[in-house]
Amino acid sequence: MKAERYFLLNKPMNMVSQFVSTHKVQLLSNIDFNFPEGTHAIGRLDQMSEGLLLLTTNKKVTKLLFQGVRAHTRTYLVQVKNKVSQATIEALQNGVDISAPNSSIYTTTPCKVDLIDPPKALWDNGIVLHQNQQSDWLSIELTEGKYHQVRKMVATMHHRCIRLVRWSIEDLTVEFIKPGQVQEVSEDYFFKALNL
């Protein structure tokens, strides 16, 4: 029986979280890495989001991570247009209403939100703001990720999302992985770091 394999990818902007598509987009197959047959992404990041994307040949991981008995923490670093007030942070922490499929409304669960300094370790993605444009950075830790949730959460509070970076899932992080780079990890490390 062949051993399963596990990868951490720092997904760059303007790339979709899949290997094939009928649309003319940047794909995971454009990454300069020889993924084994059967590799798939665990969860997704939308095309304009950056950061940690987990990939594996193990078909059981998605269910363990997203449908298991224990919720798993994901941390996003979010740059938003304009300055963020303490009232906005508290509202985001307590849960806000966002749009969901079929014109329904979903109330996000309470989460941890902090105003942070611009991350020094963050790589440049080419976005240049006007010299007079103010922005703030937030760290948002949550255990769900529904319906483009983070973007909609900040939009609900009248802030446009400039950058959205998934920094970590549990103890797995992209801190030392450059955009477009892949790091292969052992099965033991992968499961232990994800608390699976």
N, C-alpha and C. Protein backbone atom coordinates (compact mmCIF):
# COMPACT_ATOMS: atom_id res chain seq x y z
N MET A 1 0.84 -1.18 0.00
CA MET A 1 0.00 0.00 0.00
C MET A 1 0.89 1.25 0.00
N LYS A 2 0.65 2.16 -0.94
CA LYS A 2 1.52 3.34 -1.06
C LYS A 2 1.25 4.34 0.05
N ALA A 3 2.29 5.03 0.46
CA ALA A 3 2.15 6.03 1.52
C ALA A 3 1.47 7.28 0.97
N GLU A 4 0.60 7.89 1.76
CA GLU A 4 -0.02 9.15 1.37
C GLU A 4 0.99 10.28 1.53
N ARG A 5 0.77 11.36 0.80
CA ARG A 5 1.70 12.49 0.86
C ARG A 5 0.94 13.77 1.20
N TYR A 6 1.67 14.73 1.82
CA TYR A 6 1.06 15.92 2.39
C TYR A 6 1.90 17.15 2.06
N PHE A 7 1.22 18.21 1.63
CA PHE A 7 1.93 19.41 1.16
C PHE A 7 1.29 20.68 1.71
N LEU A 8 2.13 21.68 1.96
CA LEU A 8 1.68 23.03 2.28
C LEU A 8 2.07 23.90 1.11
N LEU A 9 1.13 24.65 0.58
CA LEU A 9 1.39 25.57 -0.53
C LEU A 9 1.05 26.99 -0.08
N ASN A 10 1.92 27.92 -0.40
CA ASN A 10 1.58 29.33 -0.23
C ASN A 10 0.98 29.78 -1.56
N LYS A 11 -0.35 29.74 -1.63
CA LYS A 11 -1.03 30.06 -2.89
C LYS A 11 -0.93 31.56 -3.16
N PRO A 12 -0.42 31.91 -4.34
CA PRO A 12 -0.37 33.34 -4.68
C PRO A 12 -1.74 33.86 -5.12
N MET A 13 -1.85 35.18 -5.18
CA MET A 13 -3.06 35.80 -5.74
C MET A 13 -3.21 35.40 -7.21
N ASN A 14 -4.43 35.56 -7.72
CA ASN A 14 -4.73 35.29 -9.13
C ASN A 14 -4.48 33.84 -9.52
N MET A 15 -4.76 32.93 -8.60
CA MET A 15 -4.68 31.50 -8.88
C MET A 15 -5.87 30.82 -8.21
N VAL A 16 -6.50 29.89 -8.92
CA VAL A 16 -7.62 29.16 -8.33
C VAL A 16 -7.09 27.92 -7.63
N SER A 17 -7.88 27.40 -6.70
CA SER A 17 -7.46 26.27 -5.86
C SER A 17 -7.83 24.93 -6.50
N GLN A 18 -7.49 24.76 -7.76
CA GLN A 18 -7.77 23.50 -8.45
C GLN A 18 -6.73 23.25 -9.53
N PHE A 19 -6.65 21.99 -9.97
CA PHE A 19 -5.64 21.61 -10.95
C PHE A 19 -6.12 21.73 -12.39
N VAL A 20 -7.42 21.64 -12.61
CA VAL A 20 -7.97 21.74 -13.96
C VAL A 20 -9.18 22.68 -13.94
N SER A 21 -9.42 23.33 -15.06
CA SER A 21 -10.57 24.22 -15.18
C SER A 21 -10.89 24.42 -16.65
N THR A 22 -12.16 24.66 -16.94
CA THR A 22 -12.56 24.98 -18.31
C THR A 22 -12.31 26.45 -18.61
N HIS A 23 -11.99 27.24 -17.57
CA HIS A 23 -11.74 28.67 -17.74
C HIS A 23 -10.24 28.93 -17.90
N LYS A 24 -9.91 30.05 -18.51
CA LYS A 24 -8.51 30.41 -18.70
C LYS A 24 -8.02 31.15 -17.46
N VAL A 25 -7.55 30.37 -16.48
CA VAL A 25 -7.09 30.92 -15.19
C VAL A 25 -5.79 30.23 -14.79
N GLN A 26 -5.08 30.86 -13.84
CA GLN A 26 -3.89 30.22 -13.28
C GLN A 26 -4.34 29.08 -12.37
N LEU A 27 -3.72 27.92 -12.55
CA LEU A 27 -4.12 26.72 -11.83
C LEU A 27 -2.99 26.20 -10.94
N LEU A 28 -3.34 25.31 -10.02
CA LEU A 28 -2.31 24.67 -9.20
C LEU A 28 -1.31 23.90 -10.06
N SER A 29 -1.76 23.43 -11.21
CA SER A 29 -0.85 22.72 -12.12
C SER A 29 0.21 23.64 -12.71
N ASN A 30 0.04 24.95 -12.58
CA ASN A 30 1.06 25.90 -13.05
C ASN A 30 2.20 26.06 -12.04
N ILE A 31 2.03 25.54 -10.84
CA ILE A 31 3.08 25.60 -9.82
C ILE A 31 4.23 24.70 -10.26
N ASP A 32 5.45 25.16 -10.05
CA ASP A 32 6.64 24.39 -10.44
C ASP A 32 6.95 23.34 -9.36
N PHE A 33 6.11 22.30 -9.35
CA PHE A 33 6.28 21.21 -8.39
C PHE A 33 5.62 19.97 -8.98
N ASN A 34 6.28 18.84 -8.81
CA ASN A 34 5.76 17.59 -9.37
C ASN A 34 4.87 16.89 -8.34
N PHE A 35 3.59 17.31 -8.29
CA PHE A 35 2.65 16.68 -7.37
C PHE A 35 2.33 15.26 -7.85
N PRO A 36 2.20 14.31 -6.93
CA PRO A 36 1.85 12.94 -7.34
C PRO A 36 0.40 12.87 -7.82
N GLU A 37 0.12 11.85 -8.59
CA GLU A 37 -1.24 11.63 -9.08
C GLU A 37 -2.19 11.47 -7.89
N GLY A 38 -3.36 12.07 -8.00
CA GLY A 38 -4.35 11.97 -6.93
C GLY A 38 -4.26 13.09 -5.91
N THR A 39 -3.33 14.04 -6.10
CA THR A 39 -3.23 15.16 -5.16
C THR A 39 -4.43 16.09 -5.33
N HIS A 40 -5.00 16.52 -4.24
CA HIS A 40 -6.14 17.45 -4.29
C HIS A 40 -6.00 18.46 -3.16
N ALA A 41 -6.66 19.60 -3.32
CA ALA A 41 -6.65 20.65 -2.30
C ALA A 41 -7.68 20.31 -1.22
N ILE A 42 -7.32 20.60 0.02
CA ILE A 42 -8.24 20.43 1.15
C ILE A 42 -8.84 21.80 1.43
N GLY A 43 -10.11 21.96 1.11
CA GLY A 43 -10.71 23.29 1.21
C GLY A 43 -10.20 24.16 0.07
N ARG A 44 -10.58 25.41 0.06
CA ARG A 44 -10.21 26.30 -1.03
C ARG A 44 -9.89 27.69 -0.53
N LEU A 45 -9.20 28.42 -1.37
CA LEU A 45 -9.03 29.86 -1.23
C LEU A 45 -9.51 30.45 -2.53
N ASP A 46 -10.29 31.52 -2.48
CA ASP A 46 -10.76 32.09 -3.74
C ASP A 46 -9.59 32.67 -4.53
N GLN A 47 -9.84 32.99 -5.78
CA GLN A 47 -8.78 33.38 -6.71
C GLN A 47 -7.94 34.55 -6.19
N MET A 48 -8.56 35.52 -5.53
CA MET A 48 -7.83 36.71 -5.09
C MET A 48 -7.22 36.57 -3.70
N SER A 49 -7.50 35.47 -3.02
CA SER A 49 -6.92 35.25 -1.69
C SER A 49 -5.57 34.57 -1.80
N GLU A 50 -4.75 34.80 -0.78
CA GLU A 50 -3.39 34.26 -0.75
C GLU A 50 -3.23 33.37 0.47
N GLY A 51 -2.12 32.64 0.49
CA GLY A 51 -1.73 31.98 1.72
C GLY A 51 -1.88 30.48 1.72
N LEU A 52 -2.06 29.93 2.92
CA LEU A 52 -1.95 28.50 3.16
C LEU A 52 -3.06 27.70 2.48
N LEU A 53 -2.62 26.79 1.63
CA LEU A 53 -3.53 25.82 1.01
C LEU A 53 -2.91 24.44 1.25
N LEU A 54 -3.68 23.55 1.85
CA LEU A 54 -3.20 22.20 2.12
C LEU A 54 -3.56 21.29 0.95
N LEU A 55 -2.62 20.44 0.59
CA LEU A 55 -2.86 19.47 -0.48
C LEU A 55 -2.40 18.10 -0.02
N THR A 56 -3.06 17.07 -0.49
CA THR A 56 -2.72 15.71 -0.09
C THR A 56 -3.25 14.70 -1.09
N THR A 57 -2.72 13.50 -1.01
CA THR A 57 -3.27 12.37 -1.77
C THR A 57 -4.28 11.59 -0.92
N ASN A 58 -4.39 11.95 0.36
CA ASN A 58 -5.25 11.23 1.31
C ASN A 58 -6.67 11.78 1.25
N LYS A 59 -7.58 10.98 0.73
CA LYS A 59 -8.96 11.43 0.53
C LYS A 59 -9.74 11.61 1.84
N LYS A 60 -9.23 11.09 2.95
CA LYS A 60 -9.97 11.15 4.21
C LYS A 60 -9.77 12.47 4.96
N VAL A 61 -8.74 13.25 4.60
CA VAL A 61 -8.37 14.41 5.40
C VAL A 61 -9.45 15.49 5.39
N THR A 62 -10.07 15.75 4.25
CA THR A 62 -11.08 16.81 4.17
C THR A 62 -12.20 16.57 5.18
N LYS A 63 -12.68 15.34 5.25
CA LYS A 63 -13.76 15.02 6.20
C LYS A 63 -13.27 15.18 7.64
N LEU A 64 -12.05 14.72 7.93
CA LEU A 64 -11.51 14.83 9.28
C LEU A 64 -11.37 16.29 9.71
N LEU A 65 -10.93 17.14 8.77
CA LEU A 65 -10.65 18.53 9.11
C LEU A 65 -11.91 19.38 9.20
N PHE A 66 -12.85 19.17 8.28
CA PHE A 66 -14.01 20.06 8.21
C PHE A 66 -15.30 19.47 8.76
N GLN A 67 -15.34 18.14 8.96
CA GLN A 67 -16.56 17.54 9.47
C GLN A 67 -16.33 16.71 10.73
N GLY A 68 -15.15 16.88 11.33
CA GLY A 68 -14.83 16.14 12.54
C GLY A 68 -15.55 16.72 13.75
N VAL A 69 -15.36 16.06 14.89
CA VAL A 69 -16.03 16.50 16.12
C VAL A 69 -15.41 17.77 16.69
N ARG A 70 -14.16 18.02 16.35
CA ARG A 70 -13.45 19.19 16.88
C ARG A 70 -13.31 20.25 15.80
N ALA A 71 -13.63 21.49 16.16
CA ALA A 71 -13.45 22.60 15.22
C ALA A 71 -11.97 22.98 15.16
N HIS A 72 -11.51 23.38 13.98
CA HIS A 72 -10.10 23.71 13.79
C HIS A 72 -9.94 25.19 13.46
N THR A 73 -9.01 25.83 14.14
CA THR A 73 -8.81 27.27 14.02
C THR A 73 -8.03 27.63 12.77
N ARG A 74 -8.54 28.62 12.06
CA ARG A 74 -7.85 29.20 10.90
C ARG A 74 -7.59 30.66 11.18
N THR A 75 -6.39 31.13 10.88
CA THR A 75 -6.04 32.53 11.11
C THR A 75 -5.83 33.22 9.76
N TYR A 76 -6.52 34.34 9.60
CA TYR A 76 -6.40 35.15 8.37
C TYR A 76 -5.83 36.51 8.73
N LEU A 77 -4.90 37.00 7.91
CA LEU A 77 -4.42 38.37 8.01
C LEU A 77 -5.12 39.15 6.92
N VAL A 78 -5.80 40.21 7.32
CA VAL A 78 -6.70 40.92 6.40
C VAL A 78 -6.36 42.41 6.38
N GLN A 79 -6.02 42.90 5.21
CA GLN A 79 -5.81 44.34 5.06
C GLN A 79 -7.11 44.94 4.53
N VAL A 80 -7.61 45.95 5.23
CA VAL A 80 -8.87 46.57 4.84
C VAL A 80 -8.68 48.06 4.57
N LYS A 81 -9.51 48.57 3.71
CA LYS A 81 -9.48 50.00 3.38
C LYS A 81 -10.02 50.80 4.56
N ASN A 82 -9.35 51.89 4.88
CA ASN A 82 -9.73 52.82 5.95
C ASN A 82 -9.40 52.24 7.34
N LYS A 83 -9.43 53.13 8.32
CA LYS A 83 -9.10 52.75 9.68
C LYS A 83 -10.27 52.02 10.33
N VAL A 84 -9.95 51.05 11.20
CA VAL A 84 -10.95 50.21 11.83
C VAL A 84 -11.17 50.67 13.27
N SER A 85 -12.42 50.86 13.64
CA SER A 85 -12.76 51.31 15.00
C SER A 85 -12.86 50.13 15.96
N GLN A 86 -12.79 50.44 17.24
CA GLN A 86 -12.96 49.41 18.27
C GLN A 86 -14.37 48.82 18.20
N ALA A 87 -15.35 49.63 17.87
CA ALA A 87 -16.73 49.13 17.74
C ALA A 87 -16.83 48.10 16.62
N THR A 88 -16.13 48.34 15.53
CA THR A 88 -16.12 47.39 14.41
C THR A 88 -15.48 46.07 14.84
N ILE A 89 -14.36 46.15 15.55
CA ILE A 89 -13.69 44.93 16.02
C ILE A 89 -14.63 44.12 16.92
N GLU A 90 -15.31 44.81 17.82
CA GLU A 90 -16.22 44.12 18.74
C GLU A 90 -17.39 43.48 18.00
N ALA A 91 -17.91 44.18 16.99
CA ALA A 91 -19.00 43.61 16.20
C ALA A 91 -18.55 42.35 15.47
N LEU A 92 -17.36 42.41 14.87
CA LEU A 92 -16.83 41.24 14.16
C LEU A 92 -16.60 40.08 15.13
N GLN A 93 -16.12 40.38 16.32
CA GLN A 93 -15.88 39.34 17.32
C GLN A 93 -17.17 38.66 17.75
N ASN A 94 -18.23 39.42 17.85
CA ASN A 94 -19.50 38.88 18.35
C ASN A 94 -20.32 38.17 17.29
N GLY A 95 -20.03 38.42 16.02
CA GLY A 95 -20.78 37.80 14.93
C GLY A 95 -21.60 38.82 14.17
N VAL A 96 -21.53 38.75 12.86
CA VAL A 96 -22.28 39.67 11.99
C VAL A 96 -23.07 38.87 10.96
N ASP A 97 -24.07 39.50 10.39
CA ASP A 97 -24.88 38.85 9.36
C ASP A 97 -24.23 39.02 8.00
N ILE A 98 -24.09 37.89 7.29
CA ILE A 98 -23.57 37.94 5.92
C ILE A 98 -24.54 37.21 5.00
N SER A 99 -24.43 37.48 3.72
CA SER A 99 -25.32 36.81 2.76
C SER A 99 -24.86 35.37 2.57
N ALA A 100 -25.83 34.50 2.33
CA ALA A 100 -25.58 33.08 2.13
C ALA A 100 -26.40 32.63 0.91
N PRO A 101 -26.22 31.38 0.47
CA PRO A 101 -26.97 30.92 -0.71
C PRO A 101 -28.48 31.06 -0.58
N ASN A 102 -29.15 31.15 -1.71
CA ASN A 102 -30.61 31.24 -1.80
C ASN A 102 -31.17 32.45 -1.07
N SER A 103 -30.44 33.57 -1.15
CA SER A 103 -30.87 34.85 -0.55
C SER A 103 -31.07 34.77 0.96
N SER A 104 -30.42 33.80 1.60
CA SER A 104 -30.55 33.68 3.04
C SER A 104 -29.46 34.50 3.74
N ILE A 105 -29.59 34.62 5.04
CA ILE A 105 -28.63 35.36 5.87
C ILE A 105 -27.99 34.37 6.84
N TYR A 106 -26.67 34.49 6.99
CA TYR A 106 -25.94 33.64 7.92
C TYR A 106 -25.28 34.54 8.96
N THR A 107 -25.46 34.22 10.24
CA THR A 107 -24.80 34.97 11.31
C THR A 107 -23.53 34.24 11.70
N THR A 108 -22.40 34.92 11.54
CA THR A 108 -21.12 34.27 11.84
C THR A 108 -20.99 34.01 13.34
N THR A 109 -20.26 32.96 13.67
CA THR A 109 -20.07 32.62 15.08
C THR A 109 -19.00 33.54 15.69
N PRO A 110 -19.04 33.72 16.99
CA PRO A 110 -18.02 34.56 17.63
C PRO A 110 -16.61 34.10 17.29
N CYS A 111 -15.71 35.05 17.13
CA CYS A 111 -14.34 34.73 16.74
C CYS A 111 -13.39 35.74 17.37
N LYS A 112 -12.11 35.50 17.20
CA LYS A 112 -11.09 36.40 17.75
C LYS A 112 -10.65 37.36 16.65
N VAL A 113 -10.73 38.65 16.93
CA VAL A 113 -10.32 39.68 15.96
C VAL A 113 -9.41 40.67 16.68
N ASP A 114 -8.24 40.92 16.09
CA ASP A 114 -7.29 41.88 16.66
C ASP A 114 -6.81 42.83 15.59
N LEU A 115 -6.62 44.08 15.97
CA LEU A 115 -5.95 45.06 15.12
C LEU A 115 -4.46 44.81 15.26
N ILE A 116 -3.75 44.65 14.14
CA ILE A 116 -2.32 44.32 14.21
C ILE A 116 -1.52 45.32 13.38
N ASP A 117 -0.22 45.37 13.66
CA ASP A 117 0.68 46.16 12.83
C ASP A 117 0.81 45.49 11.47
N PRO A 118 1.13 46.26 10.42
CA PRO A 118 1.35 45.62 9.11
C PRO A 118 2.38 44.50 9.25
N PRO A 119 2.06 43.29 8.82
CA PRO A 119 2.95 42.15 9.02
C PRO A 119 4.29 42.34 8.31
N LYS A 120 5.38 42.26 9.06
CA LYS A 120 6.72 42.41 8.47
C LYS A 120 7.09 41.21 7.62
N ALA A 121 6.61 40.03 8.03
CA ALA A 121 6.99 38.80 7.34
C ALA A 121 6.21 38.58 6.05
N LEU A 122 5.26 39.46 5.77
CA LEU A 122 4.40 39.25 4.62
C LEU A 122 5.10 39.66 3.33
N TRP A 123 4.97 38.84 2.33
CA TRP A 123 5.59 39.06 1.04
C TRP A 123 4.82 40.11 0.23
N ASP A 124 5.49 40.70 -0.71
CA ASP A 124 4.88 41.70 -1.58
C ASP A 124 4.07 41.00 -2.68
N ASN A 125 2.85 41.44 -2.89
CA ASN A 125 2.04 40.83 -3.95
C ASN A 125 1.74 41.81 -5.09
N GLY A 126 2.37 42.96 -5.05
CA GLY A 126 2.22 43.90 -6.16
C GLY A 126 1.12 44.92 -5.98
N ILE A 127 0.31 44.80 -4.92
CA ILE A 127 -0.75 45.78 -4.69
C ILE A 127 -0.12 47.06 -4.16
N VAL A 128 -0.41 48.16 -4.83
CA VAL A 128 0.10 49.46 -4.40
C VAL A 128 -1.09 50.36 -4.10
N LEU A 129 -1.12 50.89 -2.89
CA LEU A 129 -2.19 51.79 -2.50
C LEU A 129 -1.81 53.22 -2.83
N HIS A 130 -2.79 54.05 -3.08
CA HIS A 130 -2.56 55.48 -3.26
C HIS A 130 -1.92 56.02 -1.99
N GLN A 131 -1.02 56.98 -2.14
CA GLN A 131 -0.27 57.49 -0.99
C GLN A 131 -1.17 58.06 0.11
N ASN A 132 -2.36 58.50 -0.24
CA ASN A 132 -3.28 59.05 0.76
C ASN A 132 -4.29 58.03 1.28
N GLN A 133 -4.22 56.80 0.77
CA GLN A 133 -5.18 55.78 1.18
C GLN A 133 -4.81 55.20 2.54
N GLN A 134 -5.73 55.28 3.48
CA GLN A 134 -5.49 54.68 4.79
C GLN A 134 -6.00 53.24 4.79
N SER A 135 -5.31 52.42 5.55
CA SER A 135 -5.75 51.03 5.69
C SER A 135 -5.31 50.51 7.05
N ASP A 136 -5.92 49.42 7.46
CA ASP A 136 -5.55 48.74 8.70
C ASP A 136 -5.44 47.25 8.40
N TRP A 137 -4.71 46.57 9.29
CA TRP A 137 -4.58 45.11 9.21
C TRP A 137 -5.29 44.49 10.41
N LEU A 138 -6.01 43.41 10.15
CA LEU A 138 -6.67 42.64 11.19
C LEU A 138 -6.15 41.21 11.17
N SER A 139 -6.11 40.61 12.34
CA SER A 139 -5.92 39.16 12.45
C SER A 139 -7.27 38.60 12.87
N ILE A 140 -7.80 37.69 12.07
CA ILE A 140 -9.10 37.09 12.37
C ILE A 140 -8.92 35.59 12.51
N GLU A 141 -9.24 35.08 13.70
CA GLU A 141 -9.17 33.64 13.96
C GLU A 141 -10.58 33.10 14.06
N LEU A 142 -10.88 32.11 13.23
CA LEU A 142 -12.22 31.52 13.27
C LEU A 142 -12.14 30.03 13.00
N THR A 143 -13.25 29.36 13.23
CA THR A 143 -13.28 27.91 13.05
C THR A 143 -14.25 27.51 11.93
N GLU A 144 -14.64 28.47 11.14
CA GLU A 144 -15.52 28.19 10.01
C GLU A 144 -15.05 29.04 8.83
N GLY A 145 -15.55 28.78 7.67
CA GLY A 145 -15.16 29.57 6.51
C GLY A 145 -16.21 29.43 5.43
N LYS A 146 -17.39 29.98 5.69
CA LYS A 146 -18.53 29.78 4.81
C LYS A 146 -18.78 30.98 3.92
N TYR A 147 -19.08 30.73 2.66
CA TYR A 147 -19.61 31.76 1.76
C TYR A 147 -18.69 32.99 1.63
N HIS A 148 -17.39 32.77 1.45
CA HIS A 148 -16.42 33.89 1.37
C HIS A 148 -16.53 34.74 2.63
N GLN A 149 -16.57 34.07 3.74
CA GLN A 149 -16.96 34.67 5.02
C GLN A 149 -16.13 35.89 5.42
N VAL A 150 -14.81 35.79 5.37
CA VAL A 150 -13.99 36.89 5.89
C VAL A 150 -14.21 38.16 5.07
N ARG A 151 -14.23 38.03 3.75
CA ARG A 151 -14.48 39.20 2.90
C ARG A 151 -15.84 39.83 3.22
N LYS A 152 -16.85 38.98 3.39
CA LYS A 152 -18.20 39.49 3.66
C LYS A 152 -18.30 40.10 5.06
N MET A 153 -17.56 39.54 6.01
CA MET A 153 -17.59 40.10 7.37
C MET A 153 -17.09 41.54 7.38
N VAL A 154 -15.95 41.79 6.73
CA VAL A 154 -15.42 43.16 6.75
C VAL A 154 -16.27 44.08 5.89
N ALA A 155 -16.85 43.54 4.81
CA ALA A 155 -17.72 44.36 3.95
C ALA A 155 -18.97 44.79 4.71
N THR A 156 -19.51 43.89 5.54
CA THR A 156 -20.67 44.21 6.35
C THR A 156 -20.40 45.43 7.24
N MET A 157 -19.14 45.57 7.65
CA MET A 157 -18.75 46.69 8.51
C MET A 157 -18.20 47.86 7.69
N HIS A 158 -18.49 47.86 6.40
CA HIS A 158 -18.16 48.98 5.50
C HIS A 158 -16.66 49.17 5.26
N HIS A 159 -15.96 48.04 5.23
CA HIS A 159 -14.53 48.06 4.88
C HIS A 159 -14.31 47.15 3.68
N ARG A 160 -13.61 47.66 2.67
CA ARG A 160 -13.27 46.83 1.51
C ARG A 160 -12.02 46.03 1.83
N CYS A 161 -12.05 44.77 1.50
CA CYS A 161 -10.90 43.90 1.72
C CYS A 161 -9.87 44.15 0.61
N ILE A 162 -8.67 44.57 1.01
CA ILE A 162 -7.59 44.81 0.04
C ILE A 162 -6.76 43.55 -0.15
N ARG A 163 -6.39 42.92 0.95
CA ARG A 163 -5.64 41.66 0.89
C ARG A 163 -6.23 40.70 1.91
N LEU A 164 -6.26 39.44 1.53
CA LEU A 164 -6.75 38.38 2.42
C LEU A 164 -5.76 37.23 2.35
N VAL A 165 -5.10 36.98 3.47
CA VAL A 165 -4.05 35.95 3.53
C VAL A 165 -4.41 34.93 4.60
N ARG A 166 -4.58 33.66 4.18
CA ARG A 166 -4.75 32.62 5.19
C ARG A 166 -3.35 32.29 5.71
N TRP A 167 -3.12 32.69 6.95
CA TRP A 167 -1.79 32.59 7.53
C TRP A 167 -1.54 31.21 8.12
N SER A 168 -2.59 30.62 8.71
CA SER A 168 -2.39 29.31 9.34
C SER A 168 -3.70 28.55 9.49
N ILE A 169 -3.54 27.25 9.60
CA ILE A 169 -4.63 26.36 10.04
C ILE A 169 -4.03 25.57 11.19
N GLU A 170 -4.60 25.77 12.38
CA GLU A 170 -4.00 25.21 13.59
C GLU A 170 -2.52 25.60 13.65
N ASP A 171 -1.59 24.62 13.70
CA ASP A 171 -0.16 24.94 13.82
C ASP A 171 0.58 24.89 12.49
N LEU A 172 -0.12 24.72 11.39
CA LEU A 172 0.52 24.78 10.07
C LEU A 172 0.44 26.21 9.56
N THR A 173 1.56 26.76 9.10
CA THR A 173 1.59 28.16 8.69
C THR A 173 2.45 28.34 7.43
N VAL A 174 2.21 29.45 6.75
CA VAL A 174 3.02 29.79 5.57
C VAL A 174 4.11 30.81 5.90
N GLU A 175 4.36 31.04 7.18
CA GLU A 175 5.30 32.09 7.58
C GLU A 175 6.64 31.99 6.86
N PHE A 176 7.12 30.77 6.63
CA PHE A 176 8.46 30.60 6.02
C PHE A 176 8.38 29.99 4.62
N ILE A 177 7.21 30.11 4.00
CA ILE A 177 7.03 29.59 2.64
C ILE A 177 6.69 30.75 1.72
N LYS A 178 7.45 30.95 0.68
CA LYS A 178 7.21 32.06 -0.24
C LYS A 178 6.04 31.74 -1.17
N PRO A 179 5.38 32.77 -1.73
CA PRO A 179 4.27 32.54 -2.66
C PRO A 179 4.70 31.63 -3.81
N GLY A 180 3.87 30.64 -4.08
CA GLY A 180 4.17 29.70 -5.16
C GLY A 180 5.05 28.55 -4.74
N GLN A 181 5.56 28.57 -3.52
CA GLN A 181 6.42 27.49 -3.05
C GLN A 181 5.61 26.43 -2.33
N VAL A 182 6.12 25.20 -2.38
CA VAL A 182 5.48 24.04 -1.76
C VAL A 182 6.44 23.44 -0.74
N GLN A 183 5.90 23.06 0.40
CA GLN A 183 6.69 22.34 1.41
C GLN A 183 6.00 21.02 1.68
N GLU A 184 6.73 19.93 1.48
CA GLU A 184 6.17 18.62 1.80
C GLU A 184 6.49 18.30 3.26
N VAL A 185 5.51 17.75 3.97
CA VAL A 185 5.69 17.39 5.38
C VAL A 185 5.29 15.94 5.58
N SER A 186 5.75 15.38 6.68
CA SER A 186 5.44 13.98 6.98
C SER A 186 4.00 13.84 7.45
N GLU A 187 3.49 12.64 7.35
CA GLU A 187 2.12 12.38 7.80
C GLU A 187 1.98 12.65 9.30
N ASP A 188 2.96 12.20 10.08
CA ASP A 188 2.90 12.42 11.53
C ASP A 188 2.84 13.90 11.85
N TYR A 189 3.71 14.70 11.23
CA TYR A 189 3.75 16.14 11.49
C TYR A 189 2.43 16.79 11.06
N PHE A 190 1.94 16.42 9.88
CA PHE A 190 0.71 17.00 9.33
C PHE A 190 -0.47 16.77 10.28
N PHE A 191 -0.65 15.54 10.73
CA PHE A 191 -1.79 15.23 11.59
C PHE A 191 -1.63 15.85 12.98
N LYS A 192 -0.41 15.85 13.49
CA LYS A 192 -0.18 16.43 14.82
C LYS A 192 -0.40 17.94 14.79
N ALA A 193 0.13 18.62 13.76
CA ALA A 193 0.00 20.08 13.67
C ALA A 193 -1.44 20.51 13.47
N LEU A 194 -2.25 19.68 12.84
CA LEU A 194 -3.66 19.99 12.62
C LEU A 194 -4.57 19.50 13.76
N ASN A 195 -3.97 18.83 14.74
CA ASN A 195 -4.76 18.27 15.85
C ASN A 195 -5.84 17.31 15.35
N LEU A 196 -5.45 16.47 14.41
CA LEU A 196 -6.39 15.48 13.86
C LEU A 196 -6.20 14.13 14.56
